[in-house]
N, C-alpha and C. Protein backbone atom coordinates (compact mmCIF):
# COMPACT_ATOMS: atom_id res chain seq x y z
N MET A 1 82.83 2.96 -46.77
CA MET A 1 83.83 1.95 -47.06
C MET A 1 83.53 1.25 -48.38
N ASP A 2 82.31 1.34 -48.84
CA ASP A 2 81.93 0.67 -50.08
C ASP A 2 82.73 1.17 -51.27
N ALA A 3 82.91 2.47 -51.38
CA ALA A 3 83.67 3.03 -52.51
C ALA A 3 85.12 2.57 -52.45
N PHE A 4 85.64 2.47 -51.25
CA PHE A 4 87.02 2.01 -51.09
C PHE A 4 87.17 0.55 -51.53
N VAL A 5 86.24 -0.29 -51.12
CA VAL A 5 86.29 -1.71 -51.50
C VAL A 5 86.14 -1.88 -53.00
N VAL A 6 85.26 -1.10 -53.60
CA VAL A 6 85.08 -1.15 -55.06
C VAL A 6 86.40 -0.78 -55.76
N GLU A 7 87.06 0.24 -55.24
CA GLU A 7 88.34 0.65 -55.84
C GLU A 7 89.42 -0.41 -55.64
N LEU A 8 89.45 -1.05 -54.47
CA LEU A 8 90.41 -2.14 -54.25
C LEU A 8 90.19 -3.28 -55.25
N ARG A 9 88.94 -3.62 -55.47
CA ARG A 9 88.63 -4.70 -56.42
C ARG A 9 89.04 -4.32 -57.84
N ARG A 10 88.85 -3.05 -58.17
CA ARG A 10 89.25 -2.57 -59.50
C ARG A 10 90.77 -2.70 -59.67
N LEU A 11 91.50 -2.33 -58.62
CA LEU A 11 92.96 -2.44 -58.67
C LEU A 11 93.39 -3.90 -58.85
N ARG A 12 92.69 -4.79 -58.18
CA ARG A 12 93.01 -6.22 -58.32
C ARG A 12 92.79 -6.67 -59.76
N ASN A 13 91.67 -6.27 -60.34
CA ASN A 13 91.38 -6.65 -61.73
C ASN A 13 92.42 -6.07 -62.69
N GLU A 14 92.79 -4.81 -62.45
CA GLU A 14 93.78 -4.16 -63.33
C GLU A 14 95.15 -4.82 -63.22
N ALA A 15 95.48 -5.31 -62.03
CA ALA A 15 96.78 -5.97 -61.85
C ALA A 15 96.83 -7.28 -62.63
N GLY A 16 95.67 -7.92 -62.82
CA GLY A 16 95.60 -9.16 -63.60
C GLY A 16 96.31 -10.34 -62.95
N LEU A 17 96.34 -10.34 -61.62
CA LEU A 17 97.01 -11.42 -60.90
C LEU A 17 96.00 -12.21 -60.08
N THR A 18 96.33 -13.48 -59.84
CA THR A 18 95.49 -14.27 -58.95
C THR A 18 95.70 -13.77 -57.52
N LEU A 19 94.84 -14.20 -56.65
CA LEU A 19 94.95 -13.79 -55.25
C LEU A 19 96.29 -14.25 -54.66
N ARG A 20 96.68 -15.46 -55.01
CA ARG A 20 97.96 -16.00 -54.50
C ARG A 20 99.14 -15.20 -55.05
N GLU A 21 99.13 -14.89 -56.34
CA GLU A 21 100.21 -14.09 -56.94
C GLU A 21 100.26 -12.70 -56.31
N LEU A 22 99.10 -12.14 -56.09
CA LEU A 22 99.02 -10.82 -55.47
C LEU A 22 99.57 -10.85 -54.05
N SER A 23 99.26 -11.91 -53.32
CA SER A 23 99.73 -12.01 -51.93
C SER A 23 101.26 -12.07 -51.87
N LEU A 24 101.88 -12.71 -52.85
CA LEU A 24 103.34 -12.78 -52.88
C LEU A 24 103.96 -11.41 -53.18
N LYS A 25 103.31 -10.63 -54.00
CA LYS A 25 103.84 -9.30 -54.34
C LYS A 25 103.58 -8.27 -53.24
N VAL A 26 102.46 -8.42 -52.54
CA VAL A 26 102.08 -7.44 -51.52
C VAL A 26 102.63 -7.84 -50.15
N HIS A 27 103.06 -9.10 -50.01
CA HIS A 27 103.59 -9.64 -48.75
C HIS A 27 102.54 -9.69 -47.65
N VAL A 28 101.34 -10.11 -48.06
CA VAL A 28 100.21 -10.31 -47.15
C VAL A 28 99.57 -11.63 -47.54
N SER A 29 99.04 -12.35 -46.57
CA SER A 29 98.43 -13.65 -46.88
C SER A 29 97.24 -13.48 -47.82
N ASP A 30 96.96 -14.52 -48.58
CA ASP A 30 95.82 -14.45 -49.50
C ASP A 30 94.50 -14.37 -48.72
N SER A 31 94.45 -14.94 -47.52
CA SER A 31 93.23 -14.83 -46.72
C SER A 31 93.02 -13.40 -46.24
N SER A 32 94.11 -12.70 -45.90
CA SER A 32 93.98 -11.29 -45.52
C SER A 32 93.51 -10.47 -46.72
N LEU A 33 94.11 -10.72 -47.87
CA LEU A 33 93.68 -10.00 -49.07
C LEU A 33 92.20 -10.25 -49.36
N SER A 34 91.76 -11.47 -49.19
CA SER A 34 90.36 -11.79 -49.40
C SER A 34 89.47 -10.96 -48.48
N ARG A 35 89.87 -10.82 -47.21
CA ARG A 35 89.08 -10.01 -46.26
C ARG A 35 89.09 -8.54 -46.67
N TYR A 36 90.20 -8.06 -47.23
CA TYR A 36 90.26 -6.67 -47.69
C TYR A 36 89.32 -6.45 -48.88
N PHE A 37 89.32 -7.40 -49.81
CA PHE A 37 88.51 -7.24 -51.02
C PHE A 37 87.02 -7.42 -50.77
N THR A 38 86.66 -8.06 -49.67
CA THR A 38 85.24 -8.22 -49.33
C THR A 38 84.76 -7.16 -48.34
N GLY A 39 85.69 -6.34 -47.85
CA GLY A 39 85.30 -5.28 -46.92
C GLY A 39 85.21 -5.74 -45.48
N GLN A 40 85.65 -6.95 -45.18
CA GLN A 40 85.61 -7.46 -43.81
C GLN A 40 86.71 -6.87 -42.95
N ALA A 41 87.78 -6.40 -43.56
CA ALA A 41 88.91 -5.81 -42.83
C ALA A 41 89.47 -4.65 -43.65
N LEU A 42 90.09 -3.72 -42.96
CA LEU A 42 90.70 -2.57 -43.61
C LEU A 42 92.20 -2.82 -43.70
N PRO A 43 92.75 -2.77 -44.91
CA PRO A 43 94.19 -3.05 -45.05
C PRO A 43 95.03 -1.88 -44.55
N PRO A 44 96.26 -2.15 -44.14
CA PRO A 44 97.17 -1.06 -43.81
C PRO A 44 97.46 -0.23 -45.07
N TRP A 45 97.82 1.03 -44.88
CA TRP A 45 98.06 1.90 -46.03
C TRP A 45 99.14 1.34 -46.95
N GLU A 46 100.17 0.72 -46.41
CA GLU A 46 101.26 0.19 -47.23
C GLU A 46 100.75 -0.84 -48.23
N VAL A 47 99.79 -1.65 -47.82
CA VAL A 47 99.20 -2.65 -48.72
C VAL A 47 98.42 -1.94 -49.83
N VAL A 48 97.67 -0.91 -49.46
CA VAL A 48 96.88 -0.16 -50.44
C VAL A 48 97.81 0.50 -51.45
N ALA A 49 98.91 1.09 -50.98
CA ALA A 49 99.85 1.76 -51.88
C ALA A 49 100.48 0.76 -52.85
N THR A 50 100.80 -0.42 -52.37
CA THR A 50 101.37 -1.45 -53.25
C THR A 50 100.34 -1.92 -54.28
N LEU A 51 99.10 -2.09 -53.84
CA LEU A 51 98.04 -2.46 -54.79
C LEU A 51 97.85 -1.37 -55.84
N ALA A 52 97.96 -0.11 -55.41
CA ALA A 52 97.85 1.01 -56.36
C ALA A 52 98.96 0.95 -57.39
N ASP A 53 100.18 0.63 -56.95
CA ASP A 53 101.29 0.53 -57.88
C ASP A 53 101.07 -0.62 -58.87
N LEU A 54 100.55 -1.73 -58.40
CA LEU A 54 100.33 -2.90 -59.26
C LEU A 54 99.16 -2.70 -60.22
N GLY A 55 98.13 -1.98 -59.75
CA GLY A 55 96.92 -1.82 -60.56
C GLY A 55 96.76 -0.47 -61.22
N GLY A 56 97.77 0.38 -61.09
CA GLY A 56 97.72 1.69 -61.74
C GLY A 56 96.75 2.66 -61.09
N GLY A 57 96.62 2.61 -59.77
CA GLY A 57 95.70 3.50 -59.06
C GLY A 57 96.34 4.82 -58.67
N ASP A 58 95.50 5.79 -58.39
CA ASP A 58 95.93 7.13 -57.97
C ASP A 58 96.11 7.13 -56.45
N HIS A 59 97.33 7.35 -56.00
CA HIS A 59 97.63 7.32 -54.56
C HIS A 59 96.85 8.36 -53.78
N VAL A 60 96.69 9.54 -54.34
CA VAL A 60 96.00 10.63 -53.62
C VAL A 60 94.52 10.26 -53.41
N GLU A 61 93.87 9.82 -54.47
CA GLU A 61 92.46 9.44 -54.36
C GLU A 61 92.27 8.23 -53.45
N LEU A 62 93.16 7.25 -53.58
CA LEU A 62 93.08 6.06 -52.72
C LEU A 62 93.29 6.42 -51.26
N ARG A 63 94.19 7.35 -50.99
CA ARG A 63 94.44 7.77 -49.60
C ARG A 63 93.19 8.42 -49.02
N ARG A 64 92.51 9.23 -49.83
CA ARG A 64 91.28 9.87 -49.38
C ARG A 64 90.21 8.83 -49.07
N LEU A 65 90.04 7.85 -49.95
CA LEU A 65 89.06 6.79 -49.73
C LEU A 65 89.43 5.93 -48.52
N TRP A 66 90.72 5.62 -48.38
CA TRP A 66 91.18 4.79 -47.26
C TRP A 66 90.95 5.50 -45.92
N GLU A 67 91.27 6.80 -45.86
CA GLU A 67 91.05 7.53 -44.61
C GLU A 67 89.56 7.62 -44.27
N GLY A 68 88.71 7.79 -45.27
CA GLY A 68 87.27 7.80 -45.04
C GLY A 68 86.79 6.45 -44.51
N ALA A 69 87.29 5.37 -45.08
CA ALA A 69 86.91 4.03 -44.62
C ALA A 69 87.41 3.79 -43.20
N ARG A 70 88.59 4.29 -42.90
CA ARG A 70 89.14 4.12 -41.56
C ARG A 70 88.32 4.89 -40.52
N ARG A 71 87.91 6.10 -40.87
CA ARG A 71 87.04 6.88 -39.96
C ARG A 71 85.72 6.17 -39.73
N THR A 72 85.11 5.68 -40.79
CA THR A 72 83.83 4.98 -40.68
C THR A 72 83.97 3.74 -39.81
N ARG A 73 85.05 3.02 -40.01
CA ARG A 73 85.27 1.79 -39.24
C ARG A 73 85.47 2.09 -37.76
N ARG A 74 86.21 3.14 -37.45
CA ARG A 74 86.43 3.51 -36.04
C ARG A 74 85.12 3.93 -35.37
N GLN A 75 84.31 4.69 -36.09
CA GLN A 75 83.04 5.15 -35.51
C GLN A 75 82.09 3.99 -35.28
N SER A 76 82.08 3.03 -36.17
CA SER A 76 81.14 1.91 -36.02
C SER A 76 81.61 0.93 -34.95
N ARG A 77 82.89 0.94 -34.64
CA ARG A 77 83.43 0.03 -33.65
C ARG A 77 83.14 0.47 -32.22
N TRP A 78 82.91 1.75 -32.01
CA TRP A 78 82.69 2.29 -30.67
C TRP A 78 81.34 2.96 -30.59
N PRO A 79 80.26 2.18 -30.46
CA PRO A 79 78.93 2.79 -30.40
C PRO A 79 78.75 3.63 -29.13
N VAL A 80 77.93 4.65 -29.23
CA VAL A 80 77.66 5.51 -28.09
C VAL A 80 76.67 4.80 -27.17
N VAL A 81 77.00 4.71 -25.90
CA VAL A 81 76.12 4.08 -24.92
C VAL A 81 75.33 5.18 -24.24
N THR A 82 74.01 5.11 -24.37
CA THR A 82 73.17 6.17 -23.80
C THR A 82 72.75 5.87 -22.38
N GLU A 83 72.73 4.61 -21.99
CA GLU A 83 72.36 4.25 -20.64
C GLU A 83 73.38 3.27 -20.09
N LYS A 84 73.47 3.24 -18.79
CA LYS A 84 74.44 2.35 -18.15
C LYS A 84 73.98 0.90 -18.32
N PRO A 85 74.85 0.04 -18.85
CA PRO A 85 74.43 -1.36 -19.03
C PRO A 85 74.27 -2.06 -17.69
N GLU A 86 73.37 -3.02 -17.66
CA GLU A 86 73.13 -3.81 -16.45
C GLU A 86 74.34 -4.68 -16.17
N ARG A 87 74.78 -4.71 -14.93
CA ARG A 87 75.94 -5.52 -14.57
C ARG A 87 75.49 -6.97 -14.38
N ARG A 88 76.16 -7.84 -15.05
CA ARG A 88 75.81 -9.26 -14.95
C ARG A 88 77.07 -10.04 -14.59
N TYR A 89 76.88 -11.01 -13.75
CA TYR A 89 77.99 -11.87 -13.36
C TYR A 89 77.83 -13.22 -14.03
N GLY A 90 78.90 -13.74 -14.54
CA GLY A 90 78.86 -15.02 -15.22
C GLY A 90 78.86 -16.18 -14.24
N PRO A 91 78.69 -17.38 -14.75
CA PRO A 91 78.63 -18.56 -13.90
C PRO A 91 79.93 -18.82 -13.13
N VAL A 92 81.06 -18.40 -13.68
CA VAL A 92 82.33 -18.63 -13.00
C VAL A 92 82.38 -17.86 -11.69
N VAL A 93 81.87 -16.63 -11.70
CA VAL A 93 81.87 -15.82 -10.48
C VAL A 93 81.01 -16.48 -9.42
N GLY A 94 79.86 -17.02 -9.81
CA GLY A 94 78.98 -17.70 -8.87
C GLY A 94 79.63 -18.93 -8.27
N VAL A 95 80.32 -19.70 -9.09
CA VAL A 95 81.00 -20.90 -8.60
C VAL A 95 82.12 -20.51 -7.64
N CYS A 96 82.87 -19.46 -7.99
CA CYS A 96 83.95 -19.01 -7.11
C CYS A 96 83.39 -18.55 -5.76
N ALA A 97 82.28 -17.84 -5.78
CA ALA A 97 81.66 -17.38 -4.53
C ALA A 97 81.21 -18.57 -3.70
N LEU A 98 80.66 -19.58 -4.34
CA LEU A 98 80.19 -20.77 -3.63
C LEU A 98 81.36 -21.53 -3.00
N VAL A 99 82.44 -21.66 -3.75
CA VAL A 99 83.62 -22.35 -3.23
C VAL A 99 84.21 -21.57 -2.06
N ALA A 100 84.28 -20.27 -2.18
CA ALA A 100 84.82 -19.44 -1.10
C ALA A 100 83.95 -19.55 0.15
N ALA A 101 82.64 -19.51 -0.04
CA ALA A 101 81.73 -19.61 1.11
C ALA A 101 81.85 -20.96 1.78
N SER A 102 81.93 -22.03 0.99
CA SER A 102 82.03 -23.36 1.59
C SER A 102 83.37 -23.52 2.30
N GLY A 103 84.41 -22.94 1.78
CA GLY A 103 85.71 -22.98 2.44
C GLY A 103 85.68 -22.26 3.77
N ALA A 104 85.00 -21.11 3.82
CA ALA A 104 84.91 -20.34 5.07
C ALA A 104 84.11 -21.11 6.10
N VAL A 105 83.02 -21.75 5.68
CA VAL A 105 82.20 -22.53 6.61
C VAL A 105 83.01 -23.72 7.12
N GLY A 106 83.71 -24.39 6.24
CA GLY A 106 84.53 -25.53 6.64
C GLY A 106 85.61 -25.12 7.63
N TRP A 107 86.22 -23.99 7.37
CA TRP A 107 87.26 -23.49 8.27
C TRP A 107 86.66 -23.18 9.65
N ALA A 108 85.49 -22.53 9.66
CA ALA A 108 84.85 -22.17 10.93
C ALA A 108 84.46 -23.42 11.70
N LEU A 109 83.94 -24.43 11.04
CA LEU A 109 83.56 -25.68 11.73
C LEU A 109 84.78 -26.42 12.24
N GLY A 110 85.86 -26.33 11.53
CA GLY A 110 87.08 -27.01 11.95
C GLY A 110 87.70 -26.39 13.19
N ARG A 111 87.40 -25.16 13.47
CA ARG A 111 87.97 -24.48 14.64
C ARG A 111 87.22 -24.79 15.93
N ARG A 112 86.09 -25.45 15.86
CA ARG A 112 85.27 -25.75 17.05
C ARG A 112 85.93 -26.66 17.98
């Protein structure tokens, strides 16, 4: 994804626009653009194509870089689990069990 982010930044510089001006032309918020330029998020292809038009980028090369970044991002998002994780119950489940148990005891005592 690093090569893709470097190319996105180059396109931004070539366009010669501020982040706000760029956001108006690309129809994406400036905060989203900021995340794209820092590599925190992967932009949709339509945004990349518009940036390529504004910055004079090669669509074919950018598509190759974008697809590589998308593959990398998908693989990193779904790590392989080699062992079964330990099942843990949160405090809410414990409280619910306690309330249910106390309700059952109260009901049983009330029937005496």
